[in-house]
C-alpha atoms as a PDB file:
ATOM      1  CA  MET A   1      98.312 -72.865 -27.693  1.00  0.00           C
ATOM      2  CA  ALA A   2      98.423 -75.834 -30.076  1.00  0.00           C
ATOM      3  CA  GLU A   3     101.646 -76.712 -31.851  1.00  0.00           C
ATOM      4  CA  THR A   4     101.882 -75.539 -35.474  1.00  0.00           C
ATOM      5  CA  VAL A   5     102.121 -78.502 -37.864  1.00  0.00           C
ATOM      6  CA  VAL A   6     101.854 -76.665 -41.215  1.00  0.00           C
ATOM      7  CA  ASP A   7     103.494 -73.291 -41.698  1.00  0.00           C
ATOM      8  CA  LEU A   8     103.565 -71.494 -45.049  1.00  0.00           C
ATOM      9  CA  ARG A   9     105.804 -68.421 -45.048  1.00  0.00           C
ATOM     10  CA  ASN A  10     105.407 -65.979 -47.959  1.00  0.00           C
ATOM     11  CA  VAL A  11     105.137 -68.828 -50.456  1.00  0.00           C
ATOM     12  CA  TRP A  12     105.228 -68.213 -54.200  1.00  0.00           C
ATOM     13  CA  PHE A  13     105.133 -70.925 -56.853  1.00  0.00           C
ATOM     14  CA  THR A  14     105.308 -70.921 -60.637  1.00  0.00           C
ATOM     15  CA  TYR A  15     105.159 -73.876 -63.006  1.00  0.00           C
ATOM     16  CA  ASP A  16     106.478 -72.057 -66.062  1.00  0.00           C
ATOM     17  CA  GLY A  17     108.746 -69.391 -64.601  1.00  0.00           C
ATOM     18  CA  GLU A  18     106.370 -66.585 -65.542  1.00  0.00           C
ATOM     19  CA  ASN A  19     102.858 -67.100 -64.176  1.00  0.00           C
ATOM     20  CA  TYR A  20     102.413 -67.701 -60.457  1.00  0.00           C
ATOM     21  CA  ALA A  21      99.900 -70.313 -59.286  1.00  0.00           C
ATOM     22  CA  VAL A  22     100.495 -69.293 -55.640  1.00  0.00           C
ATOM     23  CA  LYS A  23     101.331 -65.726 -54.686  1.00  0.00           C
ATOM     24  CA  ASP A  24     102.779 -64.699 -51.324  1.00  0.00           C
ATOM     25  CA  VAL A  25     100.674 -67.151 -49.299  1.00  0.00           C
ATOM     26  CA  SER A  26     101.218 -67.316 -45.542  1.00  0.00           C
ATOM     27  CA  PHE A  27      99.217 -69.248 -42.967  1.00  0.00           C
ATOM     28  CA  LYS A  28      99.718 -71.590 -40.036  1.00  0.00           C
ATOM     29  CA  ILE A  29      97.676 -74.658 -39.179  1.00  0.00           C
ATOM     30  CA  PRO A  30      97.838 -75.903 -35.589  1.00  0.00           C
ATOM     31  CA  ARG A  31      97.724 -79.541 -34.584  1.00  0.00           C
ATOM     32  CA  GLY A  32      94.153 -80.832 -34.391  1.00  0.00           C
ATOM     33  CA  GLU A  33      92.715 -78.281 -36.832  1.00  0.00           C
ATOM     34  CA  PHE A  34      90.033 -79.186 -39.380  1.00  0.00           C
ATOM     35  CA  ALA A  35      90.629 -76.669 -42.164  1.00  0.00           C
ATOM     36  CA  ALA A  36      89.098 -76.416 -45.612  1.00  0.00           C
ATOM     37  CA  ILE A  37      90.740 -74.755 -48.598  1.00  0.00           C
ATOM     38  CA  ILE A  38      88.139 -73.533 -51.079  1.00  0.00           C
ATOM     39  CA  GLY A  39      88.152 -71.541 -54.297  1.00  0.00           C
ATOM     40  CA  ASN A  40      87.213 -71.775 -57.948  1.00  0.00           C
ATOM     41  CA  ASN A  41      89.168 -73.743 -60.539  1.00  0.00           C
ATOM     42  CA  GLY A  42      92.680 -72.380 -60.923  1.00  0.00           C
ATOM     43  CA  SER A  43      92.643 -70.678 -57.536  1.00  0.00           C
ATOM     44  CA  GLY A  44      95.736 -72.545 -56.308  1.00  0.00           C
ATOM     45  CA  LYS A  45      94.120 -75.122 -54.015  1.00  0.00           C
ATOM     46  CA  THR A  46      95.731 -78.212 -55.509  1.00  0.00           C
ATOM     47  CA  THR A  47      99.094 -76.474 -55.854  1.00  0.00           C
ATOM     48  CA  LEU A  48      98.977 -75.689 -52.128  1.00  0.00           C
ATOM     49  CA  LEU A  49      98.368 -79.371 -51.339  1.00  0.00           C
ATOM     50  CA  LYS A  50     101.324 -80.401 -53.486  1.00  0.00           C
ATOM     51  CA  LEU A  51     103.518 -77.823 -51.740  1.00  0.00           C
ATOM     52  CA  ILE A  52     102.497 -79.145 -48.318  1.00  0.00           C
ATOM     53  CA  LEU A  53     103.164 -82.719 -49.476  1.00  0.00           C
ATOM     54  CA  GLY A  54     106.595 -81.703 -50.747  1.00  0.00           C
ATOM     55  CA  LEU A  55     105.768 -82.822 -54.289  1.00  0.00           C
ATOM     56  CA  LEU A  56     106.453 -79.217 -55.279  1.00  0.00           C
ATOM     57  CA  LYS A  57     109.096 -76.964 -53.758  1.00  0.00           C
ATOM     58  CA  PRO A  58     108.288 -73.262 -53.355  1.00  0.00           C
ATOM     59  CA  THR A  59     109.789 -70.917 -55.918  1.00  0.00           C
ATOM     60  CA  ARG A  60     110.113 -68.383 -53.113  1.00  0.00           C
ATOM     61  CA  GLY A  61     109.289 -68.630 -49.431  1.00  0.00           C
ATOM     62  CA  GLU A  62     109.205 -71.664 -47.177  1.00  0.00           C
ATOM     63  CA  VAL A  63     106.853 -74.513 -46.311  1.00  0.00           C
ATOM     64  CA  TRP A  64     107.358 -76.197 -42.936  1.00  0.00           C
ATOM     65  CA  VAL A  65     105.551 -79.433 -42.090  1.00  0.00           C
ATOM     66  CA  ALA A  66     105.810 -80.905 -38.592  1.00  0.00           C
ATOM     67  CA  GLY A  67     108.961 -78.856 -38.015  1.00  0.00           C
ATOM     68  CA  VAL A  68     110.591 -79.913 -41.309  1.00  0.00           C
ATOM     69  CA  ASN A  69     111.414 -77.504 -44.135  1.00  0.00           C
ATOM     70  CA  THR A  70     110.080 -79.211 -47.284  1.00  0.00           C
ATOM     71  CA  LYS A  71     112.928 -77.753 -49.367  1.00  0.00           C
ATOM     72  CA  ASN A  72     115.334 -79.984 -47.473  1.00  0.00           C
ATOM     73  CA  ALA A  73     113.100 -83.035 -47.135  1.00  0.00           C
ATOM     74  CA  LYS A  74     112.485 -86.066 -49.307  1.00  0.00           C
ATOM     75  CA  VAL A  75     108.888 -86.834 -50.223  1.00  0.00           C
ATOM     76  CA  SER A  76     109.343 -90.264 -48.619  1.00  0.00           C
ATOM     77  CA  GLU A  77     110.297 -88.585 -45.341  1.00  0.00           C
ATOM     78  CA  LEU A  78     107.277 -86.288 -45.407  1.00  0.00           C
ATOM     79  CA  ALA A  79     105.015 -89.238 -46.281  1.00  0.00           C
ATOM     80  CA  LYS A  80     105.619 -90.629 -42.786  1.00  0.00           C
ATOM     81  CA  ARG A  81     103.947 -87.515 -41.369  1.00  0.00           C
ATOM     82  CA  ILE A  82     101.352 -86.687 -44.025  1.00  0.00           C
ATOM     83  CA  GLY A  83      98.597 -88.838 -45.500  1.00  0.00           C
ATOM     84  CA  LEU A  84      96.758 -88.075 -48.740  1.00  0.00           C
ATOM     85  CA  VAL A  85      93.352 -89.246 -49.893  1.00  0.00           C
ATOM     86  CA  PHE A  86      92.832 -88.711 -53.630  1.00  0.00           C
ATOM     87  CA  GLN A  87      89.726 -87.396 -55.321  1.00  0.00           C
ATOM     88  CA  ASN A  88      89.373 -90.671 -57.240  1.00  0.00           C
ATOM     89  CA  PRO A  89      90.058 -93.780 -55.109  1.00  0.00           C
ATOM     90  CA  ASN A  90      90.702 -95.792 -58.288  1.00  0.00           C
ATOM     91  CA  GLU A  91      93.949 -93.830 -58.637  1.00  0.00           C
ATOM     92  CA  GLN A  92      95.017 -94.884 -55.141  1.00  0.00           C
ATOM     93  CA  LEU A  93      93.994 -98.540 -54.917  1.00  0.00           C
ATOM     94  CA  PHE A  94      95.999-101.241 -56.673  1.00  0.00           C
ATOM     95  CA  ALA A  95      96.396-104.304 -54.418  1.00  0.00           C
ATOM     96  CA  VAL A  96      94.711-107.655 -54.989  1.00  0.00           C
ATOM     97  CA  THR A  97      92.720-107.544 -51.741  1.00  0.00           C
ATOM     98  CA  VAL A  98      91.621-104.924 -49.239  1.00  0.00           C
ATOM     99  CA  ARG A  99      93.876-106.536 -46.619  1.00  0.00           C
ATOM    100  CA  GLU A 100      96.923-106.199 -48.889  1.00  0.00           C
ATOM    101  CA  GLU A 101      95.958-102.607 -49.665  1.00  0.00           C
ATOM    102  CA  ILE A 102      96.039-101.684 -45.984  1.00  0.00           C
ATOM    103  CA  GLU A 103      99.237-103.641 -45.372  1.00  0.00           C
ATOM    104  CA  PHE A 104     101.177-102.089 -48.253  1.00  0.00           C
ATOM    105  CA  GLY A 105     102.132 -98.819 -46.568  1.00  0.00           C
ATOM    106  CA  LEU A 106     102.847-100.561 -43.284  1.00  0.00           C
ATOM    107  CA  LYS A 107     105.290-102.908 -44.987  1.00  0.00           C
ATOM    108  CA  ASN A 108     107.012 -99.912 -46.582  1.00  0.00           C
ATOM    109  CA  LEU A 109     107.486 -98.527 -43.076  1.00  0.00           C
ATOM    110  CA  LYS A 110     109.262-101.828 -42.313  1.00  0.00           C
ATOM    111  CA  LEU A 111     107.085-102.490 -39.291  1.00  0.00           C
ATOM    112  CA  PRO A 112     107.223-105.917 -37.633  1.00  0.00           C
ATOM    113  CA  ARG A 113     104.506-108.403 -38.571  1.00  0.00           C
ATOM    114  CA  GLU A 114     102.885-108.133 -35.154  1.00  0.00           C
ATOM    115  CA  GLU A 115     102.535-104.341 -35.451  1.00  0.00           C
ATOM    116  CA  ILE A 116     101.181-104.644 -39.003  1.00  0.00           C
ATOM    117  CA  ASP A 117      98.495-107.090 -37.861  1.00  0.00           C
ATOM    118  CA  LYS A 118      97.604-104.834 -34.952  1.00  0.00           C
ATOM    119  CA  ARG A 119      97.173-101.755 -37.130  1.00  0.00           C
ATOM    120  CA  VAL A 120      95.187-103.628 -39.757  1.00  0.00           C
ATOM    121  CA  GLU A 121      92.815-104.840 -37.047  1.00  0.00           C
ATOM    122  CA  GLU A 122      92.456-101.293 -35.667  1.00  0.00           C
ATOM    123  CA  VAL A 123      91.433 -99.715 -38.970  1.00  0.00           C
ATOM    124  CA  VAL A 124      89.233-102.672 -39.942  1.00  0.00           C
ATOM    125  CA  GLU A 125      87.205-102.009 -36.800  1.00  0.00           C
ATOM    126  CA  LEU A 126      87.286 -98.225 -37.205  1.00  0.00           C
ATOM    127  CA  PHE A 127      86.113 -98.299 -40.820  1.00  0.00           C
ATOM    128  CA  ASN A 128      83.898-101.407 -40.600  1.00  0.00           C
ATOM    129  CA  LEU A 129      85.790-103.224 -43.361  1.00  0.00           C
ATOM    130  CA  ARG A 130      85.909-106.801 -42.097  1.00  0.00           C
ATOM    131  CA  LYS A 131      83.507-108.168 -44.708  1.00  0.00           C
ATOM    132  CA  PHE A 132      85.699-106.689 -47.471  1.00  0.00           C
ATOM    133  CA  LEU A 133      89.122-107.881 -46.295  1.00  0.00           C
ATOM    134  CA  ASP A 134      89.545-110.698 -48.806  1.00  0.00           C
ATOM    135  CA  LEU A 135      87.780-108.923 -51.675  1.00  0.00           C
ATOM    136  CA  SER A 136      89.393-106.917 -54.457  1.00  0.00           C
ATOM    137  CA  PRO A 137      89.020-103.148 -53.891  1.00  0.00           C
ATOM    138  CA  ARG A 138      88.057-102.716 -57.549  1.00  0.00           C
ATOM    139  CA  PHE A 139      84.764-104.533 -56.960  1.00  0.00           C
ATOM    140  CA  LEU A 140      83.614-102.233 -54.141  1.00  0.00           C
ATOM    141  CA  SER A 141      81.301 -99.238 -54.440  1.00  0.00           C
ATOM    142  CA  ARG A 142      82.970 -95.854 -54.836  1.00  0.00           C
ATOM    143  CA  GLY A 143      82.123 -94.958 -51.229  1.00  0.00           C
ATOM    144  CA  ASP A 144      83.624 -98.197 -49.903  1.00  0.00           C
ATOM    145  CA  LYS A 145      86.702 -97.732 -52.096  1.00  0.00           C
ATOM    146  CA  GLN A 146      87.192 -94.316 -50.510  1.00  0.00           C
ATOM    147  CA  LYS A 147      86.885 -95.893 -47.060  1.00  0.00           C
ATOM    148  CA  VAL A 148      89.585 -98.424 -47.955  1.00  0.00           C
ATOM    149  CA  ALA A 149      91.861 -95.678 -49.287  1.00  0.00           C
ATOM    150  CA  LEU A 150      91.328 -93.688 -46.108  1.00  0.00           C
ATOM    151  CA  ALA A 151      91.900 -96.746 -43.905  1.00  0.00           C
ATOM    152  CA  ALA A 152      95.179 -97.562 -45.677  1.00  0.00           C
ATOM    153  CA  VAL A 153      96.442 -94.053 -44.942  1.00  0.00           C
ATOM    154  CA  VAL A 154      95.169 -93.952 -41.345  1.00  0.00           C
ATOM    155  CA  ALA A 155      96.903 -97.269 -40.605  1.00  0.00           C
ATOM    156  CA  MET A 156     100.220 -95.470 -41.159  1.00  0.00           C
ATOM    157  CA  LYS A 157      99.250 -93.010 -38.376  1.00  0.00           C
ATOM    158  CA  PRO A 158     100.101 -89.738 -40.107  1.00  0.00           C
ATOM    159  CA  GLU A 159     100.000 -86.500 -38.127  1.00  0.00           C
ATOM    160  CA  ILE A 160      98.250 -84.686 -40.968  1.00  0.00           C
ATOM    161  CA  MET A 161      95.595 -85.890 -43.406  1.00  0.00           C
ATOM    162  CA  LEU A 162      95.146 -84.104 -46.736  1.00  0.00           C
ATOM    163  CA  MET A 163      91.825 -84.821 -48.450  1.00  0.00           C
ATOM    164  CA  ASP A 164      91.553 -83.725 -52.076  1.00  0.00           C
ATOM    165  CA  GLU A 165      87.874 -83.570 -53.142  1.00  0.00           C
ATOM    166  CA  PRO A 166      87.129 -86.847 -51.282  1.00  0.00           C
ATOM    167  CA  THR A 167      83.360 -86.730 -51.908  1.00  0.00           C
ATOM    168  CA  THR A 168      83.357 -85.938 -55.645  1.00  0.00           C
ATOM    169  CA  GLY A 169      81.170 -88.345 -57.613  1.00  0.00           C
ATOM    170  CA  GLN A 170      79.660 -89.924 -54.499  1.00  0.00           C
ATOM    171  CA  ASP A 171      76.040 -89.965 -53.414  1.00  0.00           C
ATOM    172  CA  HIS A 172      74.922 -88.273 -50.222  1.00  0.00           C
ATOM    173  CA  ARG A 173      75.192 -91.426 -48.089  1.00  0.00           C
ATOM    174  CA  ASP A 174      78.726 -92.261 -49.180  1.00  0.00           C
ATOM    175  CA  SER A 175      79.855 -88.632 -48.916  1.00  0.00           C
ATOM    176  CA  ARG A 176      78.553 -88.339 -45.375  1.00  0.00           C
ATOM    177  CA  GLN A 177      80.112 -91.670 -44.441  1.00  0.00           C
ATOM    178  CA  VAL A 178      83.571 -90.539 -45.573  1.00  0.00           C
ATOM    179  CA  MET A 179      83.302 -87.115 -43.956  1.00  0.00           C
ATOM    180  CA  ASP A 180      81.954 -88.554 -40.688  1.00  0.00           C
ATOM    181  CA  LEU A 181      85.057 -90.765 -40.559  1.00  0.00           C
ATOM    182  CA  ALA A 182      87.255 -87.709 -41.130  1.00  0.00           C
ATOM    183  CA  LYS A 183      85.447 -85.956 -38.299  1.00  0.00           C
ATOM    184  CA  ARG A 184      86.091 -88.916 -35.982  1.00  0.00           C
ATOM    185  CA  LEU A 185      89.781 -88.927 -36.880  1.00  0.00           C
ATOM    186  CA  ASN A 186      89.925 -85.241 -36.038  1.00  0.00           C
ATOM    187  CA  GLU A 187      87.902 -85.258 -32.838  1.00  0.00           C
ATOM    188  CA  GLU A 188      88.807 -88.632 -31.342  1.00  0.00           C
ATOM    189  CA  MET A 189      92.377 -89.096 -32.573  1.00  0.00           C
ATOM    190  CA  GLY A 190      93.427 -85.452 -32.810  1.00  0.00           C
ATOM    191  CA  MET A 191      94.461 -85.810 -36.456  1.00  0.00           C
ATOM    192  CA  THR A 192      94.920 -82.562 -38.368  1.00  0.00           C
ATOM    193  CA  ILE A 193      92.638 -82.504 -41.426  1.00  0.00           C
ATOM    194  CA  ILE A 194      93.126 -80.269 -44.459  1.00  0.00           C
ATOM    195  CA  LEU A 195      90.234 -80.597 -46.884  1.00  0.00           C
ATOM    196  CA  VAL A 196      90.171 -79.278 -50.450  1.00  0.00           C
ATOM    197  CA  THR A 197      86.658 -79.243 -51.862  1.00  0.00           C
ATOM    198  CA  HIS A 198      84.233 -77.276 -53.993  1.00  0.00           C
ATOM    199  CA  GLN A 199      81.246 -78.500 -51.956  1.00  0.00           C
ATOM    200  CA  ILE A 200      80.339 -75.589 -49.696  1.00  0.00           C
ATOM    201  CA  VAL A 201      77.735 -77.580 -47.763  1.00  0.00           C
ATOM    202  CA  THR A 202      80.418 -80.118 -46.777  1.00  0.00           C
ATOM    203  CA  VAL A 203      82.653 -77.277 -45.601  1.00  0.00           C
ATOM    204  CA  ALA A 204      79.827 -75.808 -43.515  1.00  0.00           C
ATOM    205  CA  GLU A 205      79.080 -79.168 -41.911  1.00  0.00           C
ATOM    206  CA  TYR A 206      82.592 -80.321 -41.045  1.00  0.00           C
ATOM    207  CA  ALA A 207      85.289 -77.644 -41.197  1.00  0.00           C
ATOM    208  CA  LYS A 208      86.255 -75.367 -38.326  1.00  0.00           C
ATOM    209  CA  ARG A 209      88.315 -72.980 -40.427  1.00  0.00           C
ATOM    210  CA  VAL A 210      88.223 -71.925 -44.078  1.00  0.00           C
ATOM    211  CA  ILE A 211      91.013 -70.597 -46.299  1.00  0.00           C
ATOM    212  CA  LEU A 212      89.415 -68.889 -49.287  1.00  0.00           C
ATOM    213  CA  MET A 213      91.619 -68.733 -52.405  1.00  0.00           C
ATOM    214  CA  ASN A 214      91.376 -66.848 -55.687  1.00  0.00           C
ATOM    215  CA  ASN A 215      93.980 -66.571 -58.436  1.00  0.00           C
ATOM    216  CA  GLY A 216      96.726 -67.886 -56.153  1.00  0.00           C
ATOM    217  CA  VAL A 217      96.004 -65.445 -53.323  1.00  0.00           C
ATOM    218  CA  VAL A 218      94.382 -65.981 -49.914  1.00  0.00           C
ATOM    219  CA  VAL A 219      91.268 -63.788 -49.969  1.00  0.00           C
ATOM    220  CA  LYS A 220      90.117 -64.655 -46.456  1.00  0.00           C
ATOM    221  CA  ASP A 221      91.252 -67.012 -43.685  1.00  0.00           C
ATOM    222  CA  ASP A 222      88.883 -67.263 -40.746  1.00  0.00           C
ATOM    223  CA  ASP A 223      86.452 -69.514 -38.906  1.00  0.00           C
ATOM    224  CA  VAL A 224      83.892 -71.292 -41.056  1.00  0.00           C
ATOM    225  CA  ARG A 225      80.972 -69.002 -40.159  1.00  0.00           C
ATOM    226  CA  SER A 226      82.873 -65.789 -40.884  1.00  0.00           C
ATOM    227  CA  VAL A 227      83.934 -66.984 -44.334  1.00  0.00           C
ATOM    228  CA  LEU A 228      80.749 -68.724 -45.474  1.00  0.00           C
ATOM    229  CA  THR A 229      78.513 -65.779 -44.528  1.00  0.00           C
ATOM    230  CA  ASP A 230      80.780 -63.251 -46.278  1.00  0.00           C
ATOM    231  CA  ILE A 231      78.778 -63.152 -49.480  1.00  0.00           C
ATOM    232  CA  ASP A 232      80.959 -60.485 -51.098  1.00  0.00           C
ATOM    233  CA  ALA A 233      84.215 -62.353 -50.444  1.00  0.00           C
ATOM    234  CA  LEU A 234      82.729 -65.580 -51.816  1.00  0.00           C
ATOM    235  CA  ALA A 235      81.340 -63.776 -54.848  1.00  0.00           C
ATOM    236  CA  SER A 236      84.790 -62.361 -55.608  1.00  0.00           C
ATOM    237  CA  CYS A 237      85.894 -66.005 -55.947  1.00  0.00           C
ATOM    238  CA  SER A 238      82.846 -66.997 -58.030  1.00  0.00           C
ATOM    239  CA  LEU A 239      81.403 -68.981 -55.122  1.00  0.00           C
ATOM    240  CA  LEU A 240      78.008 -68.942 -53.439  1.00  0.00           C
ATOM    241  CA  PRO A 241      77.375 -69.417 -49.715  1.00  0.00           C
ATOM    242  CA  PRO A 242      75.274 -72.374 -48.554  1.00  0.00           C
ATOM    243  CA  GLN A 243      71.633 -72.141 -49.649  1.00  0.00           C
ATOM    244  CA  ILE A 244      70.587 -72.040 -46.005  1.00  0.00           C
ATOM    245  CA  THR A 245      72.755 -68.938 -45.527  1.00  0.00           C
ATOM    246  CA  LEU A 246      71.054 -67.210 -48.463  1.00  0.00           C
ATOM    247  CA  LEU A 247      67.686 -68.140 -46.946  1.00  0.00           C
ATOM    248  CA  SER A 248      68.673 -66.750 -43.543  1.00  0.00           C
ATOM    249  CA  ASN A 249      69.573 -63.461 -45.237  1.00  0.00           C
ATOM    250  CA  LYS A 250      66.137 -63.312 -46.871  1.00  0.00           C
ATOM    251  CA  LEU A 251      64.491 -63.945 -43.499  1.00  0.00           C
ATOM    252  CA  LYS A 252      66.552 -61.390 -41.578  1.00  0.00           C
ATOM    253  CA  PRO A 253      63.684 -58.835 -41.572  1.00  0.00           C
ATOM    254  CA  LEU A 254      61.638 -61.418 -39.632  1.00  0.00           C
ATOM    255  CA  GLY A 255      64.269 -61.583 -36.895  1.00  0.00           C
ATOM    256  CA  ILE A 256      66.173 -64.604 -38.177  1.00  0.00           C
ATOM    257  CA  ASN A 257      69.941 -64.641 -37.569  1.00  0.00           C
ATOM    258  CA  ASN A 258      71.577 -64.183 -40.982  1.00  0.00           C
ATOM    259  CA  ARG A 259      74.859 -65.915 -40.049  1.00  0.00           C
ATOM    260  CA  ILE A 260      73.437 -69.429 -40.284  1.00  0.00           C
ATOM    261  CA  VAL A 261      75.450 -72.014 -42.261  1.00  0.00           C
ATOM    262  CA  LYS A 262      73.731 -75.323 -41.372  1.00  0.00           C
ATOM    263  CA  VAL A 263      70.180 -76.601 -41.697  1.00  0.00           C
ATOM    264  CA  ASP A 264      69.975 -77.699 -38.057  1.00  0.00           C
ATOM    265  CA  GLU A 265      70.935 -74.155 -37.017  1.00  0.00           C
ATOM    266  CA  MET A 266      68.047 -72.809 -39.077  1.00  0.00           C
ATOM    267  CA  VAL A 267      65.619 -75.218 -37.404  1.00  0.00           C
ATOM    268  CA  GLU A 268      66.763 -74.052 -33.965  1.00  0.00           C
ATOM    269  CA  GLU A 269      66.577 -70.410 -35.020  1.00  0.00           C
ATOM    270  CA  VAL A 270      63.038 -70.752 -36.382  1.00  0.00           C
ATOM    271  CA  TRP A 271      61.903 -72.402 -33.158  1.00  0.00           C
ATOM    272  CA  ARG A 272      63.558 -69.617 -31.188  1.00  0.00           C
ATOM    273  CA  CYS A 273      61.646 -66.998 -33.153  1.00  0.00           C
ATOM    274  CA  VAL A 274      58.359 -68.915 -32.888  1.00  0.00           C
ATOM    275  CA  ASN A 275      58.736 -69.269 -29.115  1.00  0.00           C
ATOM    276  CA  ALA A 276      59.695 -65.623 -28.754  1.00  0.00           C
ATOM    277  CA  ARG A 277      56.600 -64.517 -30.678  1.00  0.00           C
ATOM    278  CA  SER A 278      54.319 -66.878 -28.753  1.00  0.00           C
ATOM    279  CA  ARG A 279      55.478 -65.293 -25.487  1.00  0.00           C
ATOM    280  CA  GLN A 280      54.582 -61.881 -26.847  1.00  0.00           C
ATOM    281  CA  VAL A 281      50.996 -62.913 -27.633  1.00  0.00           C
END
């Protein structure tokens, strides 16, 4: 069984002392998980991220990250274990060049020059950034800015990567590029990914597990298929399942599996039904 790297134990949090943004939330995330936290606005998603980062301390309950209780930890200590990619890369990028952007966190870790150069070279290759190294991040496309922001975090080799709406405002190509990189980090490097997003199709394509939130409460926590095909649970959170899932439900009377969450699954299922019918003729 994989080691637990994030452990929320009966966590409550209030900003004003009266209204709770998070209410009695408990879940564990094992090392190597790719989990998505979804819910409507005000559901508590962003508050959960801040609690995991240690930017907020629970009003009641405990948050443990990589074996450390966040109540007793400095944010700077947790930052060595957790990386964060913002929704808007412009809020994360500030250096004069892409090279300096990647080096900044490594210098803060007080790594030797040789190690800094090695890590810069590794992420430059991984993210295909060589042609941008001496350019200012501000002149890059939004998708390339997000790649630079992600590369700067990955260079620090965190155990956990938090991604807060990383594809918002990006076109399909840039969104897929960023999420494909996250998938590689998860599958090839074993990095734990926690994704907060409102884009259900992205969740269906990349996540393995979904934590569904509403009004500060966990409504459902299960594998991606179980959550995204639970139309009633999603509706209770003012969310719709993927369009392909709705289509599979409409086609159920024709023998189509109604637990489909991806387009490629639908293609395979249609071919299965066509072949099955052709054998009956």
